[in-house]
C-alpha atoms as a PDB file:
ATOM      1  CA  MET A   1     -27.218  17.984  14.662  1.00  0.00           C
ATOM      2  CA  CYS A   2     -23.884  16.809  13.377  1.00  0.00           C
ATOM      3  CA  ASN A   3     -20.509  17.044  15.228  1.00  0.00           C
ATOM      4  CA  GLN A   4     -18.722  20.297  14.443  1.00  0.00           C
ATOM      5  CA  HIS A   5     -15.671  18.427  13.812  1.00  0.00           C
ATOM      6  CA  TYR A   6     -17.517  16.672  10.975  1.00  0.00           C
ATOM      7  CA  ASN A   7     -19.034  20.043   9.778  1.00  0.00           C
ATOM      8  CA  GLN A   8     -15.423  21.181   9.546  1.00  0.00           C
ATOM      9  CA  ASP A   9     -14.110  18.414   7.718  1.00  0.00           C
ATOM     10  CA  ILE A  10     -16.840  18.792   4.998  1.00  0.00           C
ATOM     11  CA  GLU A  11     -16.532  22.508   4.604  1.00  0.00           C
ATOM     12  CA  GLN A  12     -12.970  22.111   3.918  1.00  0.00           C
ATOM     13  CA  LEU A  13     -14.257  20.166   0.679  1.00  0.00           C
ATOM     14  CA  PHE A  14     -15.992  22.984  -0.417  1.00  0.00           C
ATOM     15  CA  THR A  15     -13.481  25.700   0.617  1.00  0.00           C
ATOM     16  CA  ASN A  16     -11.080  23.617  -1.443  1.00  0.00           C
ATOM     17  CA  ASN A  17     -13.617  23.227  -4.403  1.00  0.00           C
ATOM     18  CA  LEU A  18     -13.751  27.075  -4.692  1.00  0.00           C
ATOM     19  CA  ALA A  19     -10.280  27.545  -4.708  1.00  0.00           C
ATOM     20  CA  TRP A  20      -9.808  24.788  -7.613  1.00  0.00           C
ATOM     21  CA  VAL A  21     -12.810  26.429  -9.885  1.00  0.00           C
ATOM     22  CA  ASP A  22     -10.827  29.978  -9.131  1.00  0.00           C
ATOM     23  CA  LYS A  23      -7.465  28.729 -10.028  1.00  0.00           C
ATOM     24  CA  ILE A  24      -8.847  27.047 -13.573  1.00  0.00           C
ATOM     25  CA  ASN A  25     -11.076  30.168 -14.294  1.00  0.00           C
ATOM     26  CA  ARG A  26      -7.903  32.400 -13.927  1.00  0.00           C
ATOM     27  CA  LYS A  27      -6.211  30.210 -16.363  1.00  0.00           C
ATOM     28  CA  THR A  28      -8.900  29.222 -18.755  1.00  0.00           C
ATOM     29  CA  PRO A  29     -11.934  31.144 -18.387  1.00  0.00           C
ATOM     30  CA  GLU A  30     -14.230  29.180 -20.928  1.00  0.00           C
ATOM     31  CA  PHE A  31     -12.771  25.694 -19.485  1.00  0.00           C
ATOM     32  CA  PHE A  32     -16.100  24.768 -17.570  1.00  0.00           C
ATOM     33  CA  SER A  33     -18.578  26.257 -20.152  1.00  0.00           C
ATOM     34  CA  ASN A  34     -16.446  24.122 -22.853  1.00  0.00           C
ATOM     35  CA  LEU A  35     -16.798  21.196 -20.401  1.00  0.00           C
ATOM     36  CA  SER A  36     -20.500  21.182 -20.064  1.00  0.00           C
ATOM     37  CA  ASN A  37     -21.057  20.793 -23.384  1.00  0.00           C
ATOM     38  CA  GLN A  38     -19.937  17.487 -24.143  1.00  0.00           C
ATOM     39  CA  GLN A  39     -17.106  14.695 -22.841  1.00  0.00           C
ATOM     40  CA  THR A  40     -14.748  13.362 -25.611  1.00  0.00           C
ATOM     41  CA  PRO A  41     -12.339  11.201 -23.601  1.00  0.00           C
ATOM     42  CA  GLU A  42      -9.909   9.082 -25.532  1.00  0.00           C
ATOM     43  CA  TYR A  43      -9.180   6.941 -22.492  1.00  0.00           C
ATOM     44  CA  LEU A  44     -11.082   4.845 -20.364  1.00  0.00           C
ATOM     45  CA  TRP A  45      -9.200   4.285 -16.975  1.00  0.00           C
ATOM     46  CA  ILE A  46      -9.916   0.999 -14.927  1.00  0.00           C
ATOM     47  CA  GLY A  47      -8.025   1.294 -11.705  1.00  0.00           C
ATOM     48  CA  CYS A  48      -7.770   0.482  -8.212  1.00  0.00           C
ATOM     49  CA  SER A  49      -9.948   2.306  -5.716  1.00  0.00           C
ATOM     50  CA  ASP A  50      -6.706   3.171  -3.188  1.00  0.00           C
ATOM     51  CA  SER A  51      -6.817   6.709  -2.620  1.00  0.00           C
ATOM     52  CA  ARG A  52      -3.385   7.479  -3.521  1.00  0.00           C
ATOM     53  CA  VAL A  53      -3.838   6.337  -7.070  1.00  0.00           C
ATOM     54  CA  PRO A  54      -5.796   9.097  -8.808  1.00  0.00           C
ATOM     55  CA  ALA A  55      -6.235   8.768 -12.505  1.00  0.00           C
ATOM     56  CA  ASN A  56      -6.207  12.233 -14.089  1.00  0.00           C
ATOM     57  CA  GLU A  57      -3.821  13.765 -11.749  1.00  0.00           C
ATOM     58  CA  LEU A  58      -0.807  11.197 -12.112  1.00  0.00           C
ATOM     59  CA  VAL A  59      -1.073  11.409 -15.992  1.00  0.00           C
ATOM     60  CA  LYS A  60      -1.660  15.234 -15.669  1.00  0.00           C
ATOM     61  CA  MET A  61      -4.986  15.239 -17.733  1.00  0.00           C
ATOM     62  CA  ASP A  62      -7.716  17.795 -17.330  1.00  0.00           C
ATOM     63  CA  PRO A  63     -11.498  16.606 -16.699  1.00  0.00           C
ATOM     64  CA  GLY A  64     -13.146  15.239 -19.328  1.00  0.00           C
ATOM     65  CA  THR A  65     -10.265  13.659 -20.865  1.00  0.00           C
ATOM     66  CA  ILE A  66     -10.385  10.248 -19.087  1.00  0.00           C
ATOM     67  CA  PHE A  67     -13.785   8.141 -18.400  1.00  0.00           C
ATOM     68  CA  VAL A  68     -12.711   6.508 -14.977  1.00  0.00           C
ATOM     69  CA  HIS A  69     -13.911   3.171 -13.547  1.00  0.00           C
ATOM     70  CA  ARG A  70     -12.218   2.218 -10.265  1.00  0.00           C
ATOM     71  CA  ASN A  71     -12.560  -0.607  -7.855  1.00  0.00           C
ATOM     72  CA  ILE A  72     -10.632  -2.842  -5.377  1.00  0.00           C
ATOM     73  CA  ALA A  73      -7.703  -4.312  -7.021  1.00  0.00           C
ATOM     74  CA  ASN A  74      -8.775  -2.828 -10.401  1.00  0.00           C
ATOM     75  CA  LEU A  75     -10.475  -6.054 -11.738  1.00  0.00           C
ATOM     76  CA  VAL A  76     -12.576  -6.825 -14.805  1.00  0.00           C
ATOM     77  CA  ASN A  77     -15.193  -9.431 -13.648  1.00  0.00           C
ATOM     78  CA  SER A  78     -17.566 -10.839 -16.287  1.00  0.00           C
ATOM     79  CA  SER A  79     -20.255 -10.714 -13.571  1.00  0.00           C
ATOM     80  CA  ASP A  80     -19.710  -7.417 -12.611  1.00  0.00           C
ATOM     81  CA  MET A  81     -22.352  -5.138 -14.164  1.00  0.00           C
ATOM     82  CA  ASN A  82     -20.951  -2.042 -13.129  1.00  0.00           C
ATOM     83  CA  VAL A  83     -17.525  -2.521 -15.030  1.00  0.00           C
ATOM     84  CA  LEU A  84     -19.574  -4.009 -17.937  1.00  0.00           C
ATOM     85  CA  SER A  85     -21.688  -0.767 -18.154  1.00  0.00           C
ATOM     86  CA  VAL A  86     -18.633   1.337 -17.965  1.00  0.00           C
ATOM     87  CA  ILE A  87     -16.873  -0.558 -20.768  1.00  0.00           C
ATOM     88  CA  GLN A  88     -19.815  -0.642 -23.064  1.00  0.00           C
ATOM     89  CA  TYR A  89     -20.496   3.135 -22.690  1.00  0.00           C
ATOM     90  CA  ALA A  90     -16.865   4.016 -22.979  1.00  0.00           C
ATOM     91  CA  VAL A  91     -16.716   1.870 -26.151  1.00  0.00           C
ATOM     92  CA  GLU A  92     -19.942   2.212 -27.835  1.00  0.00           C
ATOM     93  CA  VAL A  93     -21.060   5.821 -27.089  1.00  0.00           C
ATOM     94  CA  LEU A  94     -17.848   7.708 -26.322  1.00  0.00           C
ATOM     95  CA  LYS A  95     -15.618   5.799 -28.648  1.00  0.00           C
ATOM     96  CA  VAL A  96     -12.825   5.747 -26.509  1.00  0.00           C
ATOM     97  CA  LYS A  97      -9.659   4.651 -28.299  1.00  0.00           C
ATOM     98  CA  HIS A  98      -7.521   3.258 -25.440  1.00  0.00           C
ATOM     99  CA  ILE A  99      -8.609   1.220 -22.305  1.00  0.00           C
ATOM    100  CA  ILE A 100      -5.795   1.160 -19.734  1.00  0.00           C
ATOM    101  CA  ILE A 101      -5.960  -1.536 -17.041  1.00  0.00           C
ATOM    102  CA  ASN A 102      -3.879   0.003 -14.412  1.00  0.00           C
ATOM    103  CA  GLY A 103      -2.631  -1.352 -10.971  1.00  0.00           C
ATOM    104  CA  HIS A 104      -0.209  -0.372  -8.470  1.00  0.00           C
ATOM    105  CA  TYR A 105       2.680  -1.744  -6.459  1.00  0.00           C
ATOM    106  CA  GLY A 106       1.790  -2.458  -2.776  1.00  0.00           C
ATOM    107  CA  CYS A 107      -1.935  -2.853  -3.677  1.00  0.00           C
ATOM    108  CA  GLY A 108      -3.908  -4.056  -0.303  1.00  0.00           C
ATOM    109  CA  GLY A 109      -6.474  -6.000  -2.376  1.00  0.00           C
ATOM    110  CA  VAL A 110      -3.757  -8.034  -4.151  1.00  0.00           C
ATOM    111  CA  GLN A 111      -2.032  -8.606  -0.530  1.00  0.00           C
ATOM    112  CA  ALA A 112      -5.328  -9.834   0.848  1.00  0.00           C
ATOM    113  CA  ALA A 113      -5.600 -12.402  -1.638  1.00  0.00           C
ATOM    114  CA  MET A 114      -2.376 -13.947  -0.633  1.00  0.00           C
ATOM    115  CA  ASN A 115      -3.614 -14.188   2.770  1.00  0.00           C
ATOM    116  CA  GLU A 116      -6.157 -16.969   4.285  1.00  0.00           C
ATOM    117  CA  SER A 117      -9.943 -16.459   2.811  1.00  0.00           C
ATOM    118  CA  ASN A 118     -12.522 -15.079   5.158  1.00  0.00           C
ATOM    119  CA  PRO A 119     -16.298 -15.381   4.309  1.00  0.00           C
ATOM    120  CA  ASP A 120     -17.014 -11.740   3.432  1.00  0.00           C
ATOM    121  CA  LEU A 121     -17.664  -9.648   0.661  1.00  0.00           C
ATOM    122  CA  ILE A 122     -14.084  -8.233   0.003  1.00  0.00           C
ATOM    123  CA  ASP A 123     -13.006 -11.819   0.340  1.00  0.00           C
ATOM    124  CA  HIS A 124     -15.322 -12.741  -2.530  1.00  0.00           C
ATOM    125  CA  TRP A 125     -14.478  -9.819  -5.058  1.00  0.00           C
ATOM    126  CA  ILE A 126     -10.551 -10.749  -4.586  1.00  0.00           C
ATOM    127  CA  ARG A 127     -10.933 -14.319  -5.182  1.00  0.00           C
ATOM    128  CA  PRO A 128      -9.772 -14.197  -8.782  1.00  0.00           C
ATOM    129  CA  ILE A 129      -6.443 -12.643  -7.325  1.00  0.00           C
ATOM    130  CA  ARG A 130      -6.325 -15.804  -5.020  1.00  0.00           C
ATOM    131  CA  LYS A 131      -6.405 -18.093  -8.074  1.00  0.00           C
ATOM    132  CA  TYR A 132      -3.749 -16.322  -9.663  1.00  0.00           C
ATOM    133  CA  TYR A 133      -1.720 -16.604  -6.627  1.00  0.00           C
ATOM    134  CA  GLN A 134      -2.098 -20.298  -6.252  1.00  0.00           C
ATOM    135  CA  ARG A 135      -1.338 -20.841  -9.893  1.00  0.00           C
ATOM    136  CA  SER A 136       1.896 -18.966  -9.328  1.00  0.00           C
ATOM    137  CA  LYS A 137       2.891 -19.630  -5.677  1.00  0.00           C
ATOM    138  CA  ASN A 138       5.886 -21.480  -6.330  1.00  0.00           C
ATOM    139  CA  GLU A 139       7.554 -19.150  -7.969  1.00  0.00           C
ATOM    140  CA  LEU A 140       6.510 -16.255  -6.303  1.00  0.00           C
ATOM    141  CA  ASN A 141       7.307 -17.941  -2.584  1.00  0.00           C
ATOM    142  CA  LYS A 142      11.046 -17.660  -3.798  1.00  0.00           C
ATOM    143  CA  LEU A 143      11.092 -13.726  -3.629  1.00  0.00           C
ATOM    144  CA  SER A 144      10.836 -11.291  -0.731  1.00  0.00           C
ATOM    145  CA  MET A 145       7.293 -10.481   0.416  1.00  0.00           C
ATOM    146  CA  THR A 146       7.708  -6.933  -0.991  1.00  0.00           C
ATOM    147  CA  ASP A 147       8.759  -8.430  -4.267  1.00  0.00           C
ATOM    148  CA  ARG A 148       6.076 -11.343  -4.154  1.00  0.00           C
ATOM    149  CA  ILE A 149       3.129  -8.659  -3.756  1.00  0.00           C
ATOM    150  CA  ASP A 150       4.353  -6.487  -6.344  1.00  0.00           C
ATOM    151  CA  GLN A 151       4.972  -9.256  -8.818  1.00  0.00           C
ATOM    152  CA  LEU A 152       1.166 -10.465  -8.165  1.00  0.00           C
ATOM    153  CA  CYS A 153       0.248  -7.024  -8.989  1.00  0.00           C
ATOM    154  CA  GLU A 154       1.801  -7.100 -12.101  1.00  0.00           C
ATOM    155  CA  ILE A 155       0.160 -10.502 -12.777  1.00  0.00           C
ATOM    156  CA  ASN A 156      -3.128  -9.281 -11.881  1.00  0.00           C
ATOM    157  CA  VAL A 157      -3.219  -6.353 -14.283  1.00  0.00           C
ATOM    158  CA  ILE A 158      -2.101  -8.697 -17.024  1.00  0.00           C
ATOM    159  CA  GLU A 159      -5.023 -11.191 -16.124  1.00  0.00           C
ATOM    160  CA  GLN A 160      -7.438  -8.201 -16.504  1.00  0.00           C
ATOM    161  CA  VAL A 161      -6.064  -7.404 -19.903  1.00  0.00           C
ATOM    162  CA  ARG A 162      -6.914 -11.020 -20.807  1.00  0.00           C
ATOM    163  CA  ASN A 163     -10.295 -10.623 -18.948  1.00  0.00           C
ATOM    164  CA  ILE A 164     -11.415  -7.631 -20.752  1.00  0.00           C
ATOM    165  CA  CYS A 165     -10.686  -9.218 -24.234  1.00  0.00           C
ATOM    166  CA  HIS A 166     -13.640 -11.865 -23.340  1.00  0.00           C
ATOM    167  CA  ILE A 167     -16.334  -8.759 -23.055  1.00  0.00           C
ATOM    168  CA  PRO A 168     -18.870  -8.548 -25.752  1.00  0.00           C
ATOM    169  CA  ALA A 169     -18.622  -4.891 -26.267  1.00  0.00           C
ATOM    170  CA  ILE A 170     -14.841  -5.093 -26.798  1.00  0.00           C
ATOM    171  CA  ARG A 171     -14.900  -7.911 -29.294  1.00  0.00           C
ATOM    172  CA  LYS A 172     -17.847  -6.346 -31.026  1.00  0.00           C
ATOM    173  CA  ALA A 173     -15.920  -3.261 -31.542  1.00  0.00           C
ATOM    174  CA  TRP A 174     -12.759  -5.015 -33.190  1.00  0.00           C
ATOM    175  CA  LYS A 175     -15.104  -6.932 -35.348  1.00  0.00           C
ATOM    176  CA  SER A 176     -16.466  -3.688 -36.793  1.00  0.00           C
ATOM    177  CA  GLY A 177     -13.077  -2.294 -37.327  1.00  0.00           C
ATOM    178  CA  GLN A 178     -13.400   0.078 -34.531  1.00  0.00           C
ATOM    179  CA  ALA A 179      -9.777   1.573 -33.523  1.00  0.00           C
ATOM    180  CA  LEU A 180      -9.475   0.241 -29.757  1.00  0.00           C
ATOM    181  CA  ALA A 181      -6.173  -0.632 -27.860  1.00  0.00           C
ATOM    182  CA  ILE A 182      -6.108  -2.150 -24.292  1.00  0.00           C
ATOM    183  CA  HIS A 183      -2.947  -1.625 -22.204  1.00  0.00           C
ATOM    184  CA  GLY A 184      -1.624  -2.854 -19.185  1.00  0.00           C
ATOM    185  CA  PHE A 185      -0.182  -0.219 -16.672  1.00  0.00           C
ATOM    186  CA  ILE A 186       1.223  -0.224 -13.208  1.00  0.00           C
ATOM    187  CA  TYR A 187       1.997   2.838 -10.775  1.00  0.00           C
ATOM    188  CA  ASP A 188       4.670   2.811  -8.266  1.00  0.00           C
ATOM    189  CA  ILE A 189       3.307   4.783  -5.206  1.00  0.00           C
ATOM    190  CA  LYS A 190       7.185   5.306  -3.703  1.00  0.00           C
ATOM    191  CA  ASP A 191       8.336   7.348  -6.594  1.00  0.00           C
ATOM    192  CA  GLY A 192       4.899   8.449  -8.317  1.00  0.00           C
ATOM    193  CA  ARG A 193       5.761   6.968 -11.726  1.00  0.00           C
ATOM    194  CA  LEU A 194       3.615   4.983 -14.033  1.00  0.00           C
ATOM    195  CA  HIS A 195       5.103   1.709 -15.565  1.00  0.00           C
ATOM    196  CA  ASN A 196       3.914   0.167 -18.930  1.00  0.00           C
ATOM    197  CA  LEU A 197       3.737  -3.796 -18.525  1.00  0.00           C
ATOM    198  CA  ASN A 198       4.054  -3.957 -22.590  1.00  0.00           C
ATOM    199  CA  ILE A 199       1.030  -5.739 -22.933  1.00  0.00           C
ATOM    200  CA  THR A 200      -1.031  -4.317 -25.551  1.00  0.00           C
ATOM    201  CA  VAL A 201      -4.011  -5.732 -27.506  1.00  0.00           C
ATOM    202  CA  ASP A 202      -5.864  -3.835 -30.411  1.00  0.00           C
ATOM    203  CA  ASN A 203      -7.376  -6.502 -32.562  1.00  0.00           C
ATOM    204  CA  ILE A 204      -9.457  -9.768 -31.992  1.00  0.00           C
ATOM    205  CA  ASP A 205      -6.768 -12.199 -33.436  1.00  0.00           C
ATOM    206  CA  GLU A 206      -4.289 -10.922 -30.732  1.00  0.00           C
ATOM    207  CA  ALA A 207      -7.025 -11.077 -28.110  1.00  0.00           C
ATOM    208  CA  ASP A 208      -7.923 -14.706 -29.026  1.00  0.00           C
ATOM    209  CA  ARG A 209      -4.072 -15.559 -28.808  1.00  0.00           C
ATOM    210  CA  ILE A 210      -3.374 -14.212 -25.513  1.00  0.00           C
ATOM    211  CA  VAL A 211      -6.483 -15.720 -24.273  1.00  0.00           C
ATOM    212  CA  SER A 212      -5.329 -19.190 -25.457  1.00  0.00           C
ATOM    213  CA  ARG A 213      -2.035 -18.829 -23.815  1.00  0.00           C
ATOM    214  CA  ASN A 214      -3.614 -18.181 -20.529  1.00  0.00           C
ATOM    215  CA  ASN A 215      -5.859 -21.380 -20.901  1.00  0.00           C
ATOM    216  CA  ASP A 216      -2.550 -23.522 -21.762  1.00  0.00           C
ATOM    217  CA  ILE A 217      -1.156 -22.370 -18.336  1.00  0.00           C
END
């Protein structure tokens, strides 16, 4: 039998769910019946798993408007079948118009990549970020620790925008003329504001240019 404390924790989730349903039904009675028919999101959001960075809430969007994938440090890894499947489904089936790579300042995964490596799963996952850090270490180490971490968080987002440009489903969409733009955003937990890193790619020529610039570094 479960501990009574665990039962209370779980029951609170169901209580909250009922309150949420009641609030929405009072505001928009047909909301759930419409939502159950289909989803037509215009956005794919690839963000961090951090519990403080919820996609829909921070951009004030309803369920059904954003297709969401989250992992530690918002990585797009070409060997990760999970993110590849999400991207393919979003682009080829849902026909999203925008893909947002969203990082956040103070990311624990990014910070961990600046420390000594350990032979564990998380360390293996964040290995790409460690490479970004080593590449920019001389410049980053001129900054305070907080600024260093935040700057690497921005670098990580930019690198993921570059990475996604390699994904076959993305390139196929652009070659076919499908409207699709990739954006890099970063969220500041300290004030709740979302920031545009002004890196947007919406065609294969621009994708090749930013990938080429990255290879020259």
